[in-house]
N, C-alpha and C. Protein backbone atom coordinates (compact mmCIF):
# COMPACT_ATOMS: atom_id res chain seq x y z
N MET A 1 9.98 -48.48 161.74
CA MET A 1 9.38 -48.98 160.74
C MET A 1 9.98 -49.78 159.16
N THR A 2 9.71 -50.55 159.08
CA THR A 2 10.29 -51.26 157.87
C THR A 2 10.60 -50.33 156.61
N GLU A 3 11.64 -51.04 155.29
CA GLU A 3 11.58 -50.07 154.62
C GLU A 3 10.13 -49.74 153.76
N ASN A 4 9.31 -51.04 153.26
CA ASN A 4 8.59 -50.43 152.59
C ASN A 4 7.05 -50.23 153.34
N SER A 5 7.42 -49.78 154.17
CA SER A 5 6.19 -49.26 155.08
C SER A 5 6.57 -47.94 156.24
N ASP A 6 6.75 -46.88 154.73
CA ASP A 6 6.94 -45.68 155.06
C ASP A 6 6.26 -44.54 155.63
N THR A 7 4.88 -44.91 155.18
CA THR A 7 3.79 -44.19 156.22
C THR A 7 2.83 -45.01 156.87
N PRO A 8 2.09 -44.25 157.83
CA PRO A 8 1.45 -44.86 159.16
C PRO A 8 0.56 -46.07 158.78
N ASP A 9 -0.25 -46.15 157.15
CA ASP A 9 -0.90 -46.81 156.90
C ASP A 9 -0.23 -48.38 155.80
N GLY A 10 1.01 -47.86 155.59
CA GLY A 10 1.65 -49.51 155.20
C GLY A 10 1.73 -49.19 154.08
N THR A 11 1.54 -48.05 153.08
CA THR A 11 1.67 -47.63 151.97
C THR A 11 2.37 -47.09 151.03
N ALA A 12 2.98 -47.61 150.32
CA ALA A 12 4.07 -46.95 149.71
C ALA A 12 3.98 -45.11 149.48
N PRO A 13 5.12 -44.54 150.10
CA PRO A 13 5.16 -42.80 149.47
C PRO A 13 4.80 -42.80 148.26
N GLY A 14 3.53 -41.78 148.42
CA GLY A 14 2.89 -41.00 146.88
C GLY A 14 2.11 -42.21 146.36
N ALA A 15 2.35 -43.16 146.73
CA ALA A 15 1.13 -44.20 146.38
C ALA A 15 -0.54 -44.01 146.91
N SER A 16 -1.59 -44.24 146.00
CA SER A 16 -3.37 -44.13 146.47
C SER A 16 -3.51 -45.27 146.59
N GLY A 17 -4.25 -45.04 148.26
CA GLY A 17 -4.49 -46.29 149.11
C GLY A 17 -5.68 -47.02 148.06
N SER A 18 -6.70 -46.08 147.38
CA SER A 18 -7.73 -46.59 146.51
C SER A 18 -7.78 -46.29 144.88
N GLY A 19 -7.93 -47.22 144.30
CA GLY A 19 -7.66 -47.49 142.81
C GLY A 19 -8.93 -46.65 142.32
N SER A 20 -9.79 -46.16 142.82
CA SER A 20 -10.84 -45.14 142.16
C SER A 20 -10.36 -43.64 141.99
N ALA A 21 -9.07 -43.57 142.51
CA ALA A 21 -8.99 -42.11 142.19
C ALA A 21 -8.77 -41.48 140.47
N PRO A 22 -9.18 -40.45 140.31
CA PRO A 22 -9.49 -40.26 139.08
C PRO A 22 -7.41 -39.53 138.35
N THR A 23 -7.31 -40.12 137.21
CA THR A 23 -6.30 -40.41 137.20
C THR A 23 -5.18 -38.96 136.92
N GLY A 24 -3.94 -38.81 137.58
CA GLY A 24 -3.56 -37.58 137.76
C GLY A 24 -3.53 -36.84 139.14
N ALA A 25 -4.87 -37.65 139.70
CA ALA A 25 -4.73 -36.98 140.99
C ALA A 25 -3.97 -37.26 141.78
N SER A 26 -3.49 -36.35 142.77
CA SER A 26 -2.35 -36.13 143.84
C SER A 26 -2.73 -36.62 144.96
N ALA A 27 -1.75 -36.67 146.06
CA ALA A 27 -2.35 -37.61 147.31
C ALA A 27 -3.16 -36.62 147.82
N THR A 28 -2.74 -35.33 147.59
CA THR A 28 -3.43 -34.01 148.45
C THR A 28 -4.19 -33.34 147.64
N PRO A 29 -5.73 -33.35 147.71
CA PRO A 29 -6.45 -32.55 146.52
C PRO A 29 -6.48 -31.21 146.51
N SER A 30 -6.51 -30.68 145.46
CA SER A 30 -6.33 -29.42 145.21
C SER A 30 -7.86 -28.58 145.03
N GLY A 31 -8.69 -29.56 145.04
CA GLY A 31 -9.86 -29.11 145.06
C GLY A 31 -11.24 -30.30 145.36
N PRO A 32 -12.41 -30.16 144.66
CA PRO A 32 -13.32 -31.20 145.07
C PRO A 32 -13.18 -32.40 144.36
N GLN A 33 -13.42 -33.52 144.28
CA GLN A 33 -13.03 -34.87 143.91
C GLN A 33 -14.09 -35.43 143.82
N PRO A 34 -14.48 -35.77 142.44
CA PRO A 34 -15.53 -36.48 142.39
C PRO A 34 -15.89 -37.58 142.74
N GLU A 35 -17.26 -37.99 142.98
CA GLU A 35 -17.93 -38.78 144.01
C GLU A 35 -17.81 -40.36 143.11
N PRO A 36 -17.30 -41.62 143.70
CA PRO A 36 -17.41 -42.80 143.13
C PRO A 36 -18.50 -43.43 142.74
N ILE A 37 -19.22 -43.78 141.40
CA ILE A 37 -20.26 -44.47 141.19
C ILE A 37 -19.73 -46.10 141.43
N ARG A 38 -20.91 -46.78 142.00
CA ARG A 38 -20.44 -48.56 142.09
C ARG A 38 -20.14 -49.23 140.56
N PHE A 39 -19.23 -49.99 140.54
CA PHE A 39 -18.90 -50.87 139.84
C PHE A 39 -18.31 -49.63 138.51
N PHE A 40 -18.33 -48.48 138.55
CA PHE A 40 -17.55 -47.43 137.64
C PHE A 40 -16.80 -46.36 138.30
N GLY A 41 -16.41 -46.36 139.64
CA GLY A 41 -15.42 -45.61 140.58
C GLY A 41 -15.59 -44.16 139.71
N THR A 42 -14.44 -43.39 139.40
CA THR A 42 -14.73 -42.10 138.86
C THR A 42 -14.40 -41.67 137.31
N THR A 43 -14.60 -43.42 136.90
CA THR A 43 -14.21 -43.40 134.77
C THR A 43 -15.21 -42.32 134.38
N TRP A 44 -16.73 -42.14 135.01
CA TRP A 44 -17.50 -41.24 134.94
C TRP A 44 -17.51 -39.78 134.57
N VAL A 45 -16.27 -39.59 134.95
CA VAL A 45 -15.82 -38.23 135.26
C VAL A 45 -15.35 -37.11 133.44
N ALA A 46 -14.58 -38.37 132.92
CA ALA A 46 -13.95 -38.31 131.84
C ALA A 46 -14.69 -39.54 130.82
N HIS A 47 -15.20 -40.27 131.16
CA HIS A 47 -15.52 -41.63 129.91
C HIS A 47 -14.45 -42.39 129.67
N ASP A 48 -13.57 -42.51 130.63
CA ASP A 48 -12.27 -43.05 130.32
C ASP A 48 -12.39 -44.38 130.97
N GLY A 49 -11.43 -45.04 130.84
CA GLY A 49 -10.99 -46.41 131.45
C GLY A 49 -12.12 -47.48 131.41
N SER A 50 -12.33 -47.38 130.17
CA SER A 50 -13.45 -48.82 129.63
C SER A 50 -14.42 -48.21 130.04
N TYR A 51 -15.18 -47.19 130.76
CA TYR A 51 -16.63 -46.52 130.85
C TYR A 51 -17.34 -47.67 129.62
N GLY A 52 -17.26 -47.12 128.86
CA GLY A 52 -18.12 -48.32 127.91
C GLY A 52 -18.33 -50.01 128.35
N LEU A 53 -17.01 -50.37 128.42
CA LEU A 53 -17.12 -51.90 128.68
C LEU A 53 -18.23 -51.89 130.23
N ARG A 54 -17.76 -51.02 131.29
CA ARG A 54 -18.31 -50.88 132.40
C ARG A 54 -19.83 -50.75 132.47
N ARG A 55 -20.42 -49.97 131.18
CA ARG A 55 -21.95 -49.87 131.25
C ARG A 55 -22.10 -51.03 130.59
N ALA A 56 -21.64 -51.70 129.62
CA ALA A 56 -22.31 -52.95 129.30
C ALA A 56 -22.33 -54.04 130.19
N GLY A 57 -21.50 -54.17 130.66
CA GLY A 57 -21.34 -55.21 131.60
C GLY A 57 -22.40 -54.97 132.91
N ALA A 58 -22.21 -53.99 133.40
CA ALA A 58 -23.24 -53.01 134.34
C ALA A 58 -24.93 -53.89 133.76
N ALA A 59 -25.02 -53.34 132.41
CA ALA A 59 -26.73 -53.92 132.33
C ALA A 59 -26.68 -55.23 131.71
N VAL A 60 -25.82 -56.30 131.28
CA VAL A 60 -26.01 -57.53 131.49
C VAL A 60 -25.91 -58.20 132.48
N GLY A 61 -24.98 -57.60 133.51
CA GLY A 61 -25.29 -58.34 135.18
C GLY A 61 -26.41 -58.08 135.60
N SER A 62 -26.84 -56.60 135.57
CA SER A 62 -28.22 -56.59 136.58
C SER A 62 -29.26 -57.29 135.33
N LEU A 63 -29.12 -57.22 134.02
CA LEU A 63 -30.34 -57.96 133.78
C LEU A 63 -30.06 -59.51 133.90
N ALA A 64 -28.98 -60.19 133.65
CA ALA A 64 -28.89 -61.56 134.39
C ALA A 64 -29.15 -61.85 136.14
N ALA A 65 -29.18 -60.91 136.84
CA ALA A 65 -29.29 -61.20 138.30
C ALA A 65 -30.71 -61.08 137.90
N ALA A 66 -31.64 -59.99 137.36
CA ALA A 66 -33.28 -60.31 137.44
C ALA A 66 -33.48 -61.75 136.95
N ALA A 67 -32.85 -61.99 135.70
CA ALA A 67 -33.73 -63.17 135.29
C ALA A 67 -33.34 -64.95 136.31
N ALA A 68 -32.06 -64.51 137.10
CA ALA A 68 -31.87 -65.48 138.34
C ALA A 68 -32.74 -65.03 138.86
N SER A 69 -33.10 -63.99 139.82
CA SER A 69 -33.65 -63.70 140.65
C SER A 69 -35.34 -64.31 140.48
N CYS A 70 -36.13 -63.99 139.08
CA CYS A 70 -37.18 -64.34 138.44
C CYS A 70 -37.23 -66.28 138.71
N PHE A 71 -36.00 -66.39 138.53
CA PHE A 71 -35.77 -68.01 138.18
C PHE A 71 -36.17 -68.88 139.60
N VAL A 72 -35.45 -67.84 140.91
CA VAL A 72 -35.34 -68.53 142.38
C VAL A 72 -36.93 -68.33 142.80
N LEU A 73 -37.62 -66.87 142.50
CA LEU A 73 -38.74 -66.90 142.76
C LEU A 73 -39.88 -68.08 142.12
N ARG A 74 -39.54 -68.42 141.11
CA ARG A 74 -40.79 -69.17 140.70
C ARG A 74 -40.57 -70.68 141.34
N PHE A 75 -39.33 -70.90 142.10
CA PHE A 75 -39.12 -72.10 142.34
C PHE A 75 -40.17 -72.05 143.94
N ALA A 76 -39.73 -70.77 144.75
CA ALA A 76 -40.35 -70.28 145.93
C ALA A 76 -41.95 -70.41 145.65
N TYR A 77 -42.76 -69.99 144.43
CA TYR A 77 -43.94 -70.11 144.04
C TYR A 77 -44.03 -71.79 143.88
N GLN A 78 -42.92 -72.15 143.61
CA GLN A 78 -44.29 -73.87 143.06
C GLN A 78 -43.54 -74.57 143.94
N GLY A 79 -42.72 -74.17 145.65
CA GLY A 79 -42.92 -74.82 146.68
C GLY A 79 -44.69 -74.58 147.28
N LEU A 80 -44.65 -73.04 147.05
CA LEU A 80 -46.52 -73.01 147.73
C LEU A 80 -46.86 -73.58 147.05
N GLU A 81 -47.11 -74.07 145.91
CA GLU A 81 -48.27 -75.04 145.55
C GLU A 81 -48.08 -76.33 146.00
N ILE A 82 -46.77 -76.61 146.32
CA ILE A 82 -46.79 -78.06 146.59
C ILE A 82 -47.51 -78.23 148.03
N ALA A 83 -47.03 -77.16 148.79
CA ALA A 83 -47.59 -77.12 150.20
C ALA A 83 -48.98 -76.83 150.18
N ASP A 84 -49.17 -76.78 149.25
CA ASP A 84 -50.71 -76.74 148.81
C ASP A 84 -51.58 -75.48 149.95
N VAL A 85 -50.76 -74.44 150.13
CA VAL A 85 -51.48 -73.16 151.07
C VAL A 85 -52.59 -72.09 150.59
N GLY A 86 -53.00 -72.60 149.27
CA GLY A 86 -54.37 -72.50 148.64
C GLY A 86 -54.19 -71.23 147.75
N SER A 87 -54.62 -71.05 146.69
CA SER A 87 -54.74 -69.58 145.75
C SER A 87 -54.76 -68.31 146.25
N PHE A 88 -55.46 -68.25 147.62
CA PHE A 88 -55.00 -66.71 147.68
C PHE A 88 -53.93 -66.27 148.73
N VAL A 89 -52.99 -67.30 149.30
CA VAL A 89 -51.79 -67.14 149.13
C VAL A 89 -50.49 -66.99 148.14
N GLY A 90 -51.03 -68.16 147.23
CA GLY A 90 -50.12 -67.76 146.06
C GLY A 90 -50.26 -66.52 145.57
N LEU A 91 -51.77 -65.61 145.32
CA LEU A 91 -52.07 -64.52 144.36
C LEU A 91 -51.25 -63.65 145.67
N LEU A 92 -51.63 -63.49 146.69
CA LEU A 92 -51.05 -62.55 147.75
C LEU A 92 -49.10 -62.15 147.84
N VAL A 93 -48.90 -63.63 147.71
CA VAL A 93 -47.40 -63.65 147.28
C VAL A 93 -46.88 -63.34 145.88
N VAL A 94 -47.67 -62.85 144.85
CA VAL A 94 -47.31 -62.55 143.59
C VAL A 94 -47.49 -61.54 143.71
N LEU A 95 -48.84 -60.86 144.40
CA LEU A 95 -48.92 -59.56 144.18
C LEU A 95 -47.59 -58.69 145.38
N MET A 96 -47.42 -59.45 146.26
CA MET A 96 -46.36 -58.62 146.68
C MET A 96 -45.08 -58.20 146.27
N PHE A 97 -45.04 -59.09 145.61
CA PHE A 97 -43.81 -59.11 144.71
C PHE A 97 -43.62 -58.13 143.88
N ALA A 98 -45.11 -57.94 142.86
CA ALA A 98 -45.15 -57.51 142.12
C ALA A 98 -45.04 -55.88 142.94
N ILE A 99 -46.16 -55.35 143.70
CA ILE A 99 -45.80 -54.02 143.71
C ILE A 99 -44.90 -53.84 144.49
N CYS A 100 -43.89 -54.33 145.48
CA CYS A 100 -42.83 -54.00 146.18
C CYS A 100 -41.93 -54.24 144.93
N SER A 101 -41.64 -54.88 143.93
CA SER A 101 -40.98 -53.96 142.76
C SER A 101 -40.88 -53.30 141.93
N ALA A 102 -42.38 -52.53 141.54
CA ALA A 102 -42.75 -51.86 140.87
C ALA A 102 -42.51 -50.21 141.67
N VAL A 103 -42.63 -50.22 143.28
CA VAL A 103 -42.02 -49.27 144.44
C VAL A 103 -40.21 -48.97 144.44
N ALA A 104 -39.78 -50.49 144.67
CA ALA A 104 -38.12 -50.76 144.36
C ALA A 104 -37.62 -49.84 142.98
N PHE A 105 -38.48 -50.44 142.04
CA PHE A 105 -37.82 -49.63 140.56
C PHE A 105 -37.94 -47.99 140.60
N ARG A 106 -39.40 -47.22 141.04
CA ARG A 106 -39.57 -46.10 140.95
C ARG A 106 -38.29 -45.62 141.91
N LYS A 107 -38.37 -45.66 143.47
CA LYS A 107 -37.59 -45.53 144.14
C LYS A 107 -36.05 -45.49 143.71
N THR A 108 -35.78 -46.81 142.93
CA THR A 108 -34.06 -46.56 142.70
C THR A 108 -33.97 -45.61 141.12
N TRP A 109 -35.14 -45.52 140.67
CA TRP A 109 -34.81 -44.47 139.08
C TRP A 109 -34.80 -43.05 139.73
N GLU A 110 -35.58 -42.63 140.87
CA GLU A 110 -35.56 -41.71 141.20
C GLU A 110 -33.91 -41.04 142.01
N GLY A 111 -33.61 -42.06 142.79
CA GLY A 111 -32.37 -42.00 143.23
C GLY A 111 -31.53 -41.74 142.77
N PHE A 112 -31.37 -41.88 141.26
CA PHE A 112 -30.36 -41.70 139.84
C PHE A 112 -30.39 -40.11 139.67
N SER A 113 -31.58 -39.57 139.98
CA SER A 113 -31.37 -38.10 139.41
C SER A 113 -32.05 -36.89 140.44
N ARG A 114 -31.81 -37.39 141.88
CA ARG A 114 -31.90 -36.35 142.97
C ARG A 114 -31.83 -37.20 144.06
N ARG A 115 -31.04 -36.60 145.17
CA ARG A 115 -30.86 -37.30 146.49
C ARG A 115 -32.18 -37.40 147.09
N PRO A 116 -32.56 -38.08 148.31
CA PRO A 116 -33.58 -37.98 149.13
C PRO A 116 -33.58 -36.78 149.60
N ALA A 117 -35.19 -36.72 149.81
CA ALA A 117 -35.36 -35.07 150.73
C ALA A 117 -35.76 -35.62 152.09
N ASP A 118 -35.67 -37.01 152.53
CA ASP A 118 -35.77 -37.14 153.60
C ASP A 118 -35.31 -38.55 153.96
N PRO A 119 -33.98 -38.61 154.01
CA PRO A 119 -33.49 -39.95 154.23
C PRO A 119 -34.07 -40.74 155.29
N SER A 120 -34.31 -40.42 156.05
CA SER A 120 -34.87 -41.20 157.50
C SER A 120 -36.59 -42.33 156.67
N ARG A 121 -37.15 -41.47 155.68
CA ARG A 121 -38.60 -42.21 154.88
C ARG A 121 -37.72 -43.34 154.04
N GLU A 122 -36.17 -42.87 153.56
CA GLU A 122 -35.77 -43.89 152.15
C GLU A 122 -35.23 -45.05 153.28
N ASP A 123 -34.76 -45.17 154.68
CA ASP A 123 -34.53 -46.48 155.74
C ASP A 123 -35.47 -46.68 155.62
N ALA A 124 -36.86 -46.49 155.98
CA ALA A 124 -37.92 -46.93 156.48
C ALA A 124 -38.23 -47.76 155.29
N LEU A 125 -38.14 -47.69 153.80
CA LEU A 125 -38.70 -48.14 152.72
C LEU A 125 -37.59 -49.08 152.64
N ARG A 126 -36.18 -49.18 153.18
CA ARG A 126 -35.37 -50.36 152.99
C ARG A 126 -35.82 -51.72 152.48
N GLY A 127 -36.72 -51.93 153.98
CA GLY A 127 -37.20 -53.25 153.69
C GLY A 127 -37.98 -53.68 152.82
N LEU A 128 -39.04 -52.49 151.87
CA LEU A 128 -39.96 -53.00 150.62
C LEU A 128 -38.68 -53.04 149.86
N LYS A 129 -37.98 -52.26 149.54
CA LYS A 129 -37.13 -52.25 148.40
C LYS A 129 -36.23 -53.14 148.31
N THR A 130 -35.81 -54.23 149.38
CA THR A 130 -35.25 -55.46 149.46
C THR A 130 -36.01 -56.46 148.73
N ILE A 131 -37.65 -56.33 149.42
CA ILE A 131 -38.36 -57.67 148.67
C ILE A 131 -38.72 -57.11 147.29
N GLY A 132 -38.72 -55.71 146.95
CA GLY A 132 -38.82 -55.93 145.22
C GLY A 132 -37.51 -55.34 144.74
N PHE A 133 -36.35 -56.23 144.97
CA PHE A 133 -35.20 -56.24 144.48
C PHE A 133 -34.73 -56.14 142.98
N ILE A 134 -35.59 -57.01 142.32
CA ILE A 134 -36.03 -57.10 141.26
C ILE A 134 -36.36 -55.92 139.91
N GLY A 135 -37.15 -55.29 141.09
CA GLY A 135 -37.44 -53.98 140.54
C GLY A 135 -36.43 -52.96 140.55
N SER A 136 -35.48 -52.69 141.22
CA SER A 136 -34.14 -52.16 141.22
C SER A 136 -32.94 -52.78 140.63
N LEU A 137 -33.42 -53.73 140.22
CA LEU A 137 -32.30 -54.44 139.28
C LEU A 137 -32.30 -54.12 138.07
N LEU A 138 -34.22 -54.05 137.78
CA LEU A 138 -34.15 -53.59 136.36
C LEU A 138 -34.45 -52.44 136.29
N ALA A 139 -34.21 -51.44 137.23
CA ALA A 139 -33.81 -50.40 137.09
C ALA A 139 -32.60 -49.44 136.82
N TYR A 140 -31.73 -50.62 137.23
CA TYR A 140 -30.02 -50.63 137.17
C TYR A 140 -30.09 -50.34 135.31
N PHE A 141 -30.56 -52.05 134.76
CA PHE A 141 -30.46 -52.16 133.91
C PHE A 141 -31.29 -51.19 132.58
N PHE A 142 -32.00 -50.58 132.46
CA PHE A 142 -32.55 -49.56 132.07
C PHE A 142 -31.76 -48.13 131.64
N ARG A 143 -31.39 -48.07 133.28
CA ARG A 143 -30.31 -46.60 133.28
C ARG A 143 -29.15 -47.16 132.40
N THR A 144 -28.64 -47.82 132.44
CA THR A 144 -27.07 -47.74 132.06
C THR A 144 -27.53 -47.77 130.25
N PHE A 145 -28.67 -47.62 129.41
CA PHE A 145 -28.61 -47.61 128.26
C PHE A 145 -28.60 -45.81 127.84
N THR A 146 -28.45 -44.76 128.92
CA THR A 146 -28.27 -43.83 128.80
C THR A 146 -26.83 -43.52 129.87
N GLU A 147 -26.91 -43.86 130.74
CA GLU A 147 -25.67 -43.33 131.99
C GLU A 147 -25.48 -44.54 132.72
N ALA A 148 -23.81 -44.29 133.22
CA ALA A 148 -23.75 -44.88 134.60
C ALA A 148 -24.77 -44.56 135.40
N PRO A 149 -25.62 -45.49 136.14
CA PRO A 149 -26.48 -45.53 137.36
C PRO A 149 -25.93 -44.03 138.12
N GLY A 150 -26.61 -43.08 138.31
CA GLY A 150 -26.21 -41.82 139.25
C GLY A 150 -25.40 -41.02 138.90
N GLU A 151 -24.96 -41.24 137.50
CA GLU A 151 -23.92 -40.33 136.96
C GLU A 151 -24.53 -39.05 136.46
N LYS A 152 -26.03 -38.57 135.81
CA LYS A 152 -25.95 -37.43 135.74
C LYS A 152 -25.88 -36.51 137.09
N LEU A 153 -26.82 -37.22 138.30
CA LEU A 153 -26.73 -36.44 139.57
C LEU A 153 -25.44 -35.78 140.08
N ARG A 154 -24.62 -36.74 140.53
CA ARG A 154 -22.88 -36.72 140.46
C ARG A 154 -22.09 -35.55 139.99
N ARG A 155 -22.47 -35.68 138.41
CA ARG A 155 -21.96 -34.60 137.62
C ARG A 155 -22.34 -33.47 137.92
N GLU A 156 -23.98 -32.88 138.09
CA GLU A 156 -24.20 -31.64 138.26
C GLU A 156 -23.71 -31.72 140.16
N GLU A 157 -23.16 -32.22 141.10
CA GLU A 157 -22.96 -31.40 142.13
C GLU A 157 -21.25 -31.47 141.88
N TYR A 158 -20.80 -32.33 141.03
CA TYR A 158 -19.53 -32.05 141.23
C TYR A 158 -18.99 -31.07 140.38
N GLU A 159 -19.56 -30.56 139.28
CA GLU A 159 -19.83 -29.54 138.23
C GLU A 159 -19.78 -28.37 139.24
N ALA A 160 -21.03 -28.31 140.10
CA ALA A 160 -21.46 -27.20 141.39
C ALA A 160 -20.36 -26.93 142.12
N ALA A 161 -19.63 -28.16 142.83
CA ALA A 161 -18.65 -27.89 143.85
C ALA A 161 -17.50 -27.25 142.92
N ARG A 162 -16.51 -27.87 141.74
CA ARG A 162 -15.73 -27.26 141.02
C ARG A 162 -16.31 -25.71 140.92
N ALA A 163 -17.29 -25.16 140.53
CA ALA A 163 -17.64 -24.11 140.25
C ALA A 163 -17.47 -22.82 141.69
N ARG A 164 -17.89 -23.61 142.69
CA ARG A 164 -17.58 -23.26 144.04
C ARG A 164 -16.00 -22.91 144.53
N PHE A 165 -15.81 -23.79 144.27
CA PHE A 165 -14.29 -23.90 144.58
C PHE A 165 -13.29 -22.77 143.77
N ALA A 166 -13.75 -22.63 142.32
CA ALA A 166 -13.15 -21.89 141.91
C ALA A 166 -13.57 -20.59 141.89
N LYS A 167 -14.68 -20.17 142.54
CA LYS A 167 -15.00 -18.64 142.70
C LYS A 167 -14.49 -18.81 144.16
N ARG A 168 -14.15 -19.26 145.10
CA ARG A 168 -13.43 -19.15 146.04
C ARG A 168 -11.56 -19.11 146.15
N ARG A 169 -11.36 -19.78 145.18
CA ARG A 169 -9.64 -19.63 144.90
C ARG A 169 -9.54 -18.78 143.92
N SER A 170 -10.67 -18.17 143.33
CA SER A 170 -10.30 -16.45 142.52
C SER A 170 -10.48 -15.41 143.07
N SER A 171 -11.25 -15.77 144.45
CA SER A 171 -11.33 -14.43 145.10
C SER A 171 -10.12 -14.51 145.89
N ARG A 172 -9.32 -15.07 146.53
CA ARG A 172 -8.32 -15.02 147.07
C ARG A 172 -7.09 -14.46 145.89
N THR A 173 -6.47 -13.51 146.34
CA THR A 173 -5.09 -13.36 145.98
C THR A 173 -3.82 -12.92 146.45
N GLY A 174 -3.21 -13.70 146.13
CA GLY A 174 -1.85 -13.70 147.47
C GLY A 174 -1.83 -14.39 148.14
N ASN A 175 -0.93 -14.12 148.88
CA ASN A 175 -0.69 -15.01 150.15
C ASN A 175 -1.10 -14.12 151.36
N PRO A 176 -2.39 -14.53 152.22
CA PRO A 176 -2.74 -13.94 152.92
C PRO A 176 -1.59 -13.69 154.02
N ALA A 177 -0.54 -14.45 154.40
CA ALA A 177 0.10 -14.29 155.81
C ALA A 177 1.43 -13.01 155.28
N ALA A 178 1.59 -13.45 153.69
CA ALA A 178 2.31 -12.08 153.38
C ALA A 178 1.76 -10.67 153.62
N ARG A 179 0.44 -10.51 153.59
CA ARG A 179 -0.39 -9.35 153.61
C ARG A 179 -0.07 -8.96 155.06
N LYS A 180 -0.25 -10.00 156.28
CA LYS A 180 -0.88 -9.48 157.16
C LYS A 180 0.92 -9.04 158.08
N ALA A 181 1.99 -9.17 157.27
CA ALA A 181 3.04 -9.12 157.29
C ALA A 181 2.97 -7.62 157.00
N THR A 182 2.81 -7.48 155.73
CA THR A 182 3.10 -5.35 154.79
C THR A 182 2.19 -4.94 156.05
N LYS A 183 1.40 -4.86 156.60
CA LYS A 183 0.19 -4.39 156.94
C LYS A 183 0.86 -3.73 158.29
N ALA A 184 1.62 -4.71 159.18
CA ALA A 184 2.43 -4.90 160.34
C ALA A 184 3.35 -3.95 159.88
N LYS A 185 4.32 -3.66 159.18
CA LYS A 185 5.45 -3.13 158.89
C LYS A 185 5.04 -1.33 158.59
N ARG A 186 3.96 -1.14 158.09
CA ARG A 186 3.73 0.34 157.62
C ARG A 186 3.49 1.11 159.03
N PRO A 187 3.89 2.32 159.10
CA PRO A 187 3.48 3.17 159.85
C PRO A 187 2.50 3.38 159.57
N ARG A 188 1.94 3.88 161.28
CA ARG A 188 0.30 4.30 161.67
C ARG A 188 0.64 5.78 161.47
N ARG A 189 -0.57 6.06 161.07
CA ARG A 189 -0.67 7.91 161.14
C ARG A 189 -1.47 8.11 162.03
N THR A 190 -0.84 9.17 162.91
CA THR A 190 -1.90 9.78 164.27
C THR A 190 -2.17 10.90 163.95
């Protein structure tokens, strides 16, 4: 091994491989670790690391992406008009994007507050949510006004995991290996 790659993955000893680890986290976690959120990492835990700027950036970015997408869809609609496919096909395309965007908005918004009950159903809706991507972008935009998208759900899960870990940890007292050694040394009564 070279002097710069003392670990199997090539990172320096004591260095964390991911940049989203919470501040003060050691290489071997001593409890549950927060789940990172896209664009926010784990800054949502303590609202540190330019969390406010990230929320503002996510709001501006999602709104800009939604506006650019509407602009592109307008060109697609003009292409249908130039192709002279008829008003019925044009109406169907507009209705399809409107309905798919509404469904995508609702499903994305629900995904911020709870995990899907049936993940296979969510996979089946992936195509519909892809068509209605503007609705998902708008859901991100509106959610960033109150929190990082999905922060409430992840905070509840993280707090519950920390409570379970603390309960498990407090129920253990002492070193179990030492207890076994002391039990073995005691003479048995007959």
